[in-house]
C-alpha atoms as a PDB file:
ATOM      1  CA  MET A   1      12.774  10.038 -18.606  1.00  0.00           C
ATOM      2  CA  LYS A   2      14.515  10.870 -15.079  1.00  0.00           C
ATOM      3  CA  ALA A   3      12.113  10.825 -11.507  1.00  0.00           C
ATOM      4  CA  PRO A   4      12.242  14.298  -9.707  1.00  0.00           C
ATOM      5  CA  ILE A   5      13.597  13.769  -6.391  1.00  0.00           C
ATOM      6  CA  GLY A   6      13.275  15.619  -3.116  1.00  0.00           C
ATOM      7  CA  ILE A   7      16.225  15.780  -0.393  1.00  0.00           C
ATOM      8  CA  ILE A   8      15.757  17.297   3.307  1.00  0.00           C
ATOM      9  CA  ASP A   9      18.928  16.870   5.417  1.00  0.00           C
ATOM     10  CA  ASP A  10      20.282  19.563   7.587  1.00  0.00           C
ATOM     11  CA  HIS A  11      24.013  18.033   6.728  1.00  0.00           C
ATOM     12  CA  PRO A  12      25.369  19.663   3.453  1.00  0.00           C
ATOM     13  CA  ALA A  13      28.130  16.629   3.085  1.00  0.00           C
ATOM     14  CA  VAL A  14      25.255  13.931   3.447  1.00  0.00           C
ATOM     15  CA  MET A  15      23.138  15.406   1.487  1.00  0.00           C
ATOM     16  CA  LEU A  16      25.609  16.383  -1.595  1.00  0.00           C
ATOM     17  CA  GLY A  17      26.669  12.972  -1.079  1.00  0.00           C
ATOM     18  CA  VAL A  18      23.110  11.212  -1.403  1.00  0.00           C
ATOM     19  CA  ALA A  19      22.708  13.338  -4.212  1.00  0.00           C
ATOM     20  CA  SER A  20      25.089  12.684  -6.269  1.00  0.00           C
ATOM     21  CA  ILE A  21      24.705   8.778  -5.980  1.00  0.00           C
ATOM     22  CA  LEU A  22      21.099   9.305  -7.398  1.00  0.00           C
ATOM     23  CA  ASN A  23      21.923  11.802  -9.743  1.00  0.00           C
ATOM     24  CA  ALA A  24      24.187   8.790 -11.440  1.00  0.00           C
ATOM     25  CA  GLN A  25      21.157   6.990 -12.505  1.00  0.00           C
ATOM     26  CA  ASP A  26      19.603   7.000 -15.520  1.00  0.00           C
ATOM     27  CA  ASP A  27      16.101   7.268 -13.911  1.00  0.00           C
ATOM     28  CA  LEU A  28      16.444   9.490 -10.975  1.00  0.00           C
ATOM     29  CA  MET A  29      17.493  13.252 -10.454  1.00  0.00           C
ATOM     30  CA  VAL A  30      17.503  15.075  -7.636  1.00  0.00           C
ATOM     31  CA  THR A  31      15.623  18.259  -8.262  1.00  0.00           C
ATOM     32  CA  ALA A  32      14.733  19.762  -4.807  1.00  0.00           C
ATOM     33  CA  THR A  33      16.994  19.940  -1.688  1.00  0.00           C
ATOM     34  CA  ALA A  34      16.466  21.793   1.564  1.00  0.00           C
ATOM     35  CA  THR A  35      17.389  21.909   5.254  1.00  0.00           C
ATOM     36  CA  THR A  36      14.227  21.831   6.626  1.00  0.00           C
ATOM     37  CA  VAL A  37      10.528  20.707   5.305  1.00  0.00           C
ATOM     38  CA  ALA A  38       9.235  24.379   5.044  1.00  0.00           C
ATOM     39  CA  GLU A  39      12.302  25.281   3.062  1.00  0.00           C
ATOM     40  CA  LEU A  40      11.429  22.442   0.783  1.00  0.00           C
ATOM     41  CA  LEU A  41       7.676  23.531   0.279  1.00  0.00           C
ATOM     42  CA  ALA A  42       8.765  26.880  -0.488  1.00  0.00           C
ATOM     43  CA  LEU A  43      10.997  25.925  -3.677  1.00  0.00           C
ATOM     44  CA  ASP A  44       7.314  25.095  -4.975  1.00  0.00           C
ATOM     45  CA  GLN A  45       9.555  22.377  -6.876  1.00  0.00           C
ATOM     46  CA  ARG A  46       7.761  19.328  -8.538  1.00  0.00           C
ATOM     47  CA  VAL A  47       9.281  16.123  -7.018  1.00  0.00           C
ATOM     48  CA  ASP A  48       7.980  12.293  -7.321  1.00  0.00           C
ATOM     49  CA  GLY A  49       9.629  11.695  -3.998  1.00  0.00           C
ATOM     50  CA  ILE A  50      11.251  12.765  -0.953  1.00  0.00           C
ATOM     51  CA  LEU A  51      14.340  11.671   0.896  1.00  0.00           C
ATOM     52  CA  LEU A  52      13.532  12.921   4.623  1.00  0.00           C
ATOM     53  CA  ASP A  53      16.140  13.081   7.257  1.00  0.00           C
ATOM     54  CA  LEU A  54      14.778  11.335  10.551  1.00  0.00           C
ATOM     55  CA  ALA A  55      16.023  14.073  12.941  1.00  0.00           C
ATOM     56  CA  LEU A  56      16.420  17.548  12.035  1.00  0.00           C
ATOM     57  CA  ASP A  57      18.513  19.727  14.144  1.00  0.00           C
ATOM     58  CA  ASP A  58      15.304  22.260  13.705  1.00  0.00           C
ATOM     59  CA  GLY A  59      13.783  20.482  16.614  1.00  0.00           C
ATOM     60  CA  SER A  60      10.941  19.484  14.192  1.00  0.00           C
ATOM     61  CA  THR A  61       9.252  15.586  14.583  1.00  0.00           C
ATOM     62  CA  PRO A  62       8.733  13.104  12.184  1.00  0.00           C
ATOM     63  CA  GLU A  63       5.131  13.159  12.547  1.00  0.00           C
ATOM     64  CA  ALA A  64       5.145  17.101  12.439  1.00  0.00           C
ATOM     65  CA  ASN A  65       7.284  16.830   8.827  1.00  0.00           C
ATOM     66  CA  LEU A  66       5.510  14.241   7.542  1.00  0.00           C
ATOM     67  CA  ARG A  67       2.182  15.688   7.966  1.00  0.00           C
ATOM     68  CA  ALA A  68       3.681  19.191   6.586  1.00  0.00           C
ATOM     69  CA  LEU A  69       4.677  16.928   3.287  1.00  0.00           C
ATOM     70  CA  ALA A  70       1.244  15.420   2.845  1.00  0.00           C
ATOM     71  CA  ASP A  71      -0.238  18.049   0.533  1.00  0.00           C
ATOM     72  CA  LEU A  72       2.120  17.285  -1.852  1.00  0.00           C
ATOM     73  CA  ARG A  73       1.052  13.581  -2.164  1.00  0.00           C
ATOM     74  CA  VAL A  74       4.114  11.946  -2.671  1.00  0.00           C
ATOM     75  CA  PRO A  75       5.682   9.249  -0.992  1.00  0.00           C
ATOM     76  CA  VAL A  76       8.384  10.142   1.805  1.00  0.00           C
ATOM     77  CA  LEU A  77      11.262   7.460   2.284  1.00  0.00           C
ATOM     78  CA  VAL A  78      13.042   8.448   5.642  1.00  0.00           C
ATOM     79  CA  TYR A  79      16.582   7.958   6.240  1.00  0.00           C
ATOM     80  CA  THR A  80      19.043   8.160   9.049  1.00  0.00           C
ATOM     81  CA  SER A  81      22.684   7.458  10.563  1.00  0.00           C
ATOM     82  CA  GLY A  82      21.460   6.279  13.882  1.00  0.00           C
ATOM     83  CA  ASP A  83      19.516   4.062  16.439  1.00  0.00           C
ATOM     84  CA  ARG A  84      15.937   5.764  17.318  1.00  0.00           C
ATOM     85  CA  PRO A  85      13.377   3.035  17.066  1.00  0.00           C
ATOM     86  CA  ASP A  86      11.094   5.225  18.373  1.00  0.00           C
ATOM     87  CA  LEU A  87      11.626   8.069  15.732  1.00  0.00           C
ATOM     88  CA  ILE A  88      11.480   5.311  13.178  1.00  0.00           C
ATOM     89  CA  ARG A  89       7.623   3.831  14.751  1.00  0.00           C
ATOM     90  CA  GLU A  90       6.432   7.618  14.758  1.00  0.00           C
ATOM     91  CA  ALA A  91       7.427   8.132  11.056  1.00  0.00           C
ATOM     92  CA  ALA A  92       5.774   4.906  10.293  1.00  0.00           C
ATOM     93  CA  ARG A  93       2.630   5.452  11.988  1.00  0.00           C
ATOM     94  CA  ALA A  94       3.012   9.014  10.020  1.00  0.00           C
ATOM     95  CA  GLY A  95       3.059   7.661   6.815  1.00  0.00           C
ATOM     96  CA  ALA A  96       6.643   7.085   5.535  1.00  0.00           C
ATOM     97  CA  VAL A  97       7.145   4.316   3.109  1.00  0.00           C
ATOM     98  CA  GLY A  98      10.020   3.132   4.427  1.00  0.00           C
ATOM     99  CA  MET A  99      13.287   3.996   6.032  1.00  0.00           C
ATOM    100  CA  VAL A 100      17.385   3.257   4.838  1.00  0.00           C
ATOM    101  CA  ARG A 101      20.317   4.136   6.600  1.00  0.00           C
ATOM    102  CA  LYS A 102      23.134   6.735   5.050  1.00  0.00           C
ATOM    103  CA  SER A 103      25.858   4.405   5.650  1.00  0.00           C
ATOM    104  CA  GLU A 104      24.078   1.734   3.441  1.00  0.00           C
ATOM    105  CA  PHE A 105      25.905   0.853   0.161  1.00  0.00           C
ATOM    106  CA  PRO A 106      24.884   3.539  -2.608  1.00  0.00           C
ATOM    107  CA  THR A 107      23.323   0.390  -4.495  1.00  0.00           C
ATOM    108  CA  ALA A 108      21.011   0.122  -1.533  1.00  0.00           C
ATOM    109  CA  ILE A 109      20.102   3.504  -1.201  1.00  0.00           C
ATOM    110  CA  VAL A 110      19.010   3.665  -5.123  1.00  0.00           C
ATOM    111  CA  GLU A 111      16.984   0.740  -4.934  1.00  0.00           C
ATOM    112  CA  ALA A 112      14.865   2.157  -1.479  1.00  0.00           C
ATOM    113  CA  VAL A 113      14.051   4.994  -4.139  1.00  0.00           C
ATOM    114  CA  ARG A 114      13.317   3.056  -6.597  1.00  0.00           C
ATOM    115  CA  ALA A 115      10.874   1.234  -4.258  1.00  0.00           C
ATOM    116  CA  MET A 116       9.507   4.256  -2.690  1.00  0.00           C
ATOM    117  CA  LEU A 117       8.558   5.562  -6.387  1.00  0.00           C
ATOM    118  CA  ARG A 118       7.022   2.286  -7.497  1.00  0.00           C
ATOM    119  CA  GLY A 119       4.493   2.861  -4.607  1.00  0.00           C
ATOM    120  CA  GLU A 120       6.572  -0.525  -2.432  1.00  0.00           C
ATOM    121  CA  VAL A 121       7.600  -0.180   1.296  1.00  0.00           C
ATOM    122  CA  ALA A 122      11.096   0.152   1.337  1.00  0.00           C
ATOM    123  CA  ALA A 123      11.756  -1.889   4.768  1.00  0.00           C
ATOM    124  CA  SER A 124      15.381  -2.043   6.418  1.00  0.00           C
ATOM    125  CA  ALA A 125      16.237  -4.170   8.738  1.00  0.00           C
ATOM    126  CA  ASP A 126      15.822  -1.095  11.646  1.00  0.00           C
ATOM    127  CA  TRP A 127      12.277  -0.447  10.069  1.00  0.00           C
ATOM    128  CA  ALA A 128      10.941  -4.118  10.455  1.00  0.00           C
ATOM    129  CA  ALA A 129      12.323  -4.343  13.957  1.00  0.00           C
ATOM    130  CA  ALA A 130      10.787  -1.164  15.148  1.00  0.00           C
ATOM    131  CA  ILE A 131       7.610  -1.644  13.568  1.00  0.00           C
ATOM    132  CA  ASP A 132       7.315  -5.327  14.702  1.00  0.00           C
ATOM    133  CA  VAL A 133       7.189  -4.161  18.409  1.00  0.00           C
ATOM    134  CA  ASP A 134       5.270  -1.207  17.763  1.00  0.00           C
ATOM    135  CA  PRO A 135       1.532  -2.314  19.617  1.00  0.00           C
ATOM    136  CA  ASP A 136      -0.274   0.155  16.911  1.00  0.00           C
ATOM    137  CA  PHE A 137       0.441  -2.166  13.924  1.00  0.00           C
ATOM    138  CA  VAL A 138      -2.169  -5.197  13.708  1.00  0.00           C
ATOM    139  CA  ASP A 139      -0.956  -8.282  14.894  1.00  0.00           C
ATOM    140  CA  VAL A 140      -0.930  -9.804  11.532  1.00  0.00           C
ATOM    141  CA  HIS A 141       2.074  -7.799  11.073  1.00  0.00           C
ATOM    142  CA  LEU A 142       1.059  -5.380   8.119  1.00  0.00           C
ATOM    143  CA  SER A 143       3.344  -3.574   6.449  1.00  0.00           C
ATOM    144  CA  PRO A 144       2.724   0.596   6.512  1.00  0.00           C
ATOM    145  CA  ARG A 145       1.886   0.662   3.145  1.00  0.00           C
ATOM    146  CA  GLU A 146      -0.466  -2.526   3.686  1.00  0.00           C
ATOM    147  CA  ALA A 147      -2.448  -1.031   6.398  1.00  0.00           C
ATOM    148  CA  GLU A 148      -2.916   2.515   4.455  1.00  0.00           C
ATOM    149  CA  VAL A 149      -4.217   0.550   1.454  1.00  0.00           C
ATOM    150  CA  LEU A 150      -6.444  -1.428   3.932  1.00  0.00           C
ATOM    151  CA  GLY A 151      -7.559   1.881   5.461  1.00  0.00           C
ATOM    152  CA  HIS A 152      -8.666   3.311   2.383  1.00  0.00           C
ATOM    153  CA  TYR A 153     -10.163   0.069   0.494  1.00  0.00           C
ATOM    154  CA  ALA A 154     -11.996  -1.212   3.732  1.00  0.00           C
ATOM    155  CA  SER A 155     -13.611   2.314   3.958  1.00  0.00           C
ATOM    156  CA  GLY A 156     -15.599   1.787   0.766  1.00  0.00           C
ATOM    157  CA  GLU A 157     -13.081   3.196  -1.783  1.00  0.00           C
ATOM    158  CA  THR A 158     -12.587   1.051  -5.011  1.00  0.00           C
ATOM    159  CA  ALA A 159      -9.478  -0.589  -6.274  1.00  0.00           C
ATOM    160  CA  GLU A 160      -9.028   2.310  -8.624  1.00  0.00           C
ATOM    161  CA  ARG A 161     -10.048   4.855  -5.943  1.00  0.00           C
ATOM    162  CA  VAL A 162      -7.155   3.839  -3.809  1.00  0.00           C
ATOM    163  CA  ALA A 163      -4.486   3.292  -6.340  1.00  0.00           C
ATOM    164  CA  ALA A 164      -5.172   7.385  -7.042  1.00  0.00           C
ATOM    165  CA  LEU A 165      -4.936   8.119  -3.888  1.00  0.00           C
ATOM    166  CA  LEU A 166      -1.910   6.258  -3.230  1.00  0.00           C
ATOM    167  CA  PHE A 167      -0.399   7.365  -6.506  1.00  0.00           C
ATOM    168  CA  ILE A 168       0.303   3.453  -7.325  1.00  0.00           C
ATOM    169  CA  SER A 169      -1.384   1.087 -10.068  1.00  0.00           C
ATOM    170  CA  ARG A 170      -4.625  -0.367  -9.521  1.00  0.00           C
ATOM    171  CA  GLU A 171      -2.505  -4.232  -9.968  1.00  0.00           C
ATOM    172  CA  THR A 172      -0.511  -2.860  -7.349  1.00  0.00           C
ATOM    173  CA  VAL A 173      -3.874  -2.039  -4.878  1.00  0.00           C
ATOM    174  CA  LEU A 174      -5.066  -5.548  -5.748  1.00  0.00           C
ATOM    175  CA  ASP A 175      -1.693  -7.270  -5.061  1.00  0.00           C
ATOM    176  CA  HIS A 176      -1.596  -5.378  -1.526  1.00  0.00           C
ATOM    177  CA  ILE A 177      -5.238  -6.756  -0.889  1.00  0.00           C
ATOM    178  CA  ARG A 178      -4.420 -10.443  -1.873  1.00  0.00           C
ATOM    179  CA  ARG A 179      -1.373 -10.048   0.270  1.00  0.00           C
ATOM    180  CA  ILE A 180      -3.520  -8.550   3.249  1.00  0.00           C
ATOM    181  CA  ARG A 181      -6.218 -11.284   2.694  1.00  0.00           C
ATOM    182  CA  ILE A 182      -3.152 -14.094   3.206  1.00  0.00           C
ATOM    183  CA  LYS A 183      -1.977 -12.479   6.468  1.00  0.00           C
ATOM    184  CA  TYR A 184      -5.449 -12.591   8.258  1.00  0.00           C
ATOM    185  CA  ALA A 185      -5.626 -15.612   7.244  1.00  0.00           C
ATOM    186  CA  ASP A 186      -2.380 -17.448   8.490  1.00  0.00           C
ATOM    187  CA  ALA A 187      -3.470 -15.393  11.788  1.00  0.00           C
ATOM    188  CA  ASN A 188      -7.049 -17.191  11.846  1.00  0.00           C
ATOM    189  CA  ARG A 189      -8.762 -13.968  11.074  1.00  0.00           C
ATOM    190  CA  PRO A 190     -10.292 -14.880   7.555  1.00  0.00           C
ATOM    191  CA  ALA A 191     -11.346 -11.958   5.076  1.00  0.00           C
ATOM    192  CA  ARG A 192     -12.237 -13.203   1.938  1.00  0.00           C
ATOM    193  CA  THR A 193     -14.797 -10.487   1.182  1.00  0.00           C
ATOM    194  CA  LYS A 194     -14.831  -6.475   1.535  1.00  0.00           C
ATOM    195  CA  ILE A 195     -17.588  -6.557   4.386  1.00  0.00           C
ATOM    196  CA  ASP A 196     -14.697  -8.923   6.152  1.00  0.00           C
ATOM    197  CA  LEU A 197     -11.420  -6.616   5.248  1.00  0.00           C
ATOM    198  CA  HIS A 198     -13.951  -3.774   7.022  1.00  0.00           C
ATOM    199  CA  ARG A 199     -14.411  -5.518  10.034  1.00  0.00           C
ATOM    200  CA  ARG A 200     -10.860  -6.565  10.358  1.00  0.00           C
ATOM    201  CA  ALA A 201      -9.772  -2.771   9.764  1.00  0.00           C
ATOM    202  CA  LEU A 202     -12.285  -1.811  12.440  1.00  0.00           C
ATOM    203  CA  GLU A 203     -10.700  -4.249  15.002  1.00  0.00           C
ATOM    204  CA  ASP A 204      -7.859  -3.171  14.185  1.00  0.00           C
ATOM    205  CA  GLY A 205      -8.158   0.617  14.446  1.00  0.00           C
ATOM    206  CA  LEU A 206      -7.347   1.012  11.131  1.00  0.00           C
ATOM    207  CA  ILE A 207     -10.597   3.350  10.332  1.00  0.00           C
ATOM    208  CA  PRO A 208     -12.646   4.839  12.964  1.00  0.00           C
ATOM    209  CA  ALA A 209     -15.350   3.028  14.849  1.00  0.00           C
ATOM    210  CA  GLY A 210     -18.744   3.246  13.433  1.00  0.00           C
ATOM    211  CA  HIS A 211     -17.404   4.173   9.998  1.00  0.00           C
ATOM    212  CA  ASP A 212     -19.921   3.201   7.345  1.00  0.00           C
ATOM    213  CA  PRO A 213     -18.249   1.533   4.359  1.00  0.00           C
ATOM    214  CA  GLY A 214     -21.146   2.791   2.236  1.00  0.00           C
ATOM    215  CA  ALA A 215     -21.306   6.251   3.491  1.00  0.00           C
END
């Protein structure tokens, strides 16, 4: 069964090209296309993931667009043709699961979409470079997805509940948590228990100060 994908892009030729690439795959199918977020939402079409142009001509921002798409509860992968590290960081902070360049080879675009659907971070070199210099990401260099998992898990959610919230498997959540613990240990900030993870998430601003994990 093919996974339904939505594309938001105000450049028709680019949209058609990317749609053709994805539709040629055995496991993917573009079922919704739009030039703005509002237009896609109005279609009321089920999708398992969305490709979002990083800079739309309607003047919208990545943060506003990702916030508007949040109710769909599906992963969003941004793609771009230009160098805008500021917009990449904004998209990462707003919950995008990664970035791919429009100029990438078709195989790279397809793999980024598949990574998005697996609940993984689709990290390009541009994405990694932009996040690496962003002071809003912690010094242990958590990926956006790892920060999201930690935020939920350290807030008191179970691995099963985090999996349901993020539409990934319990095993994937546990893999993320294992990697998070390794990264904190490597930074000489061990987080062996869930309480330790709660403290680290508080220290790094991933959950609000004064939050009670048992609440």
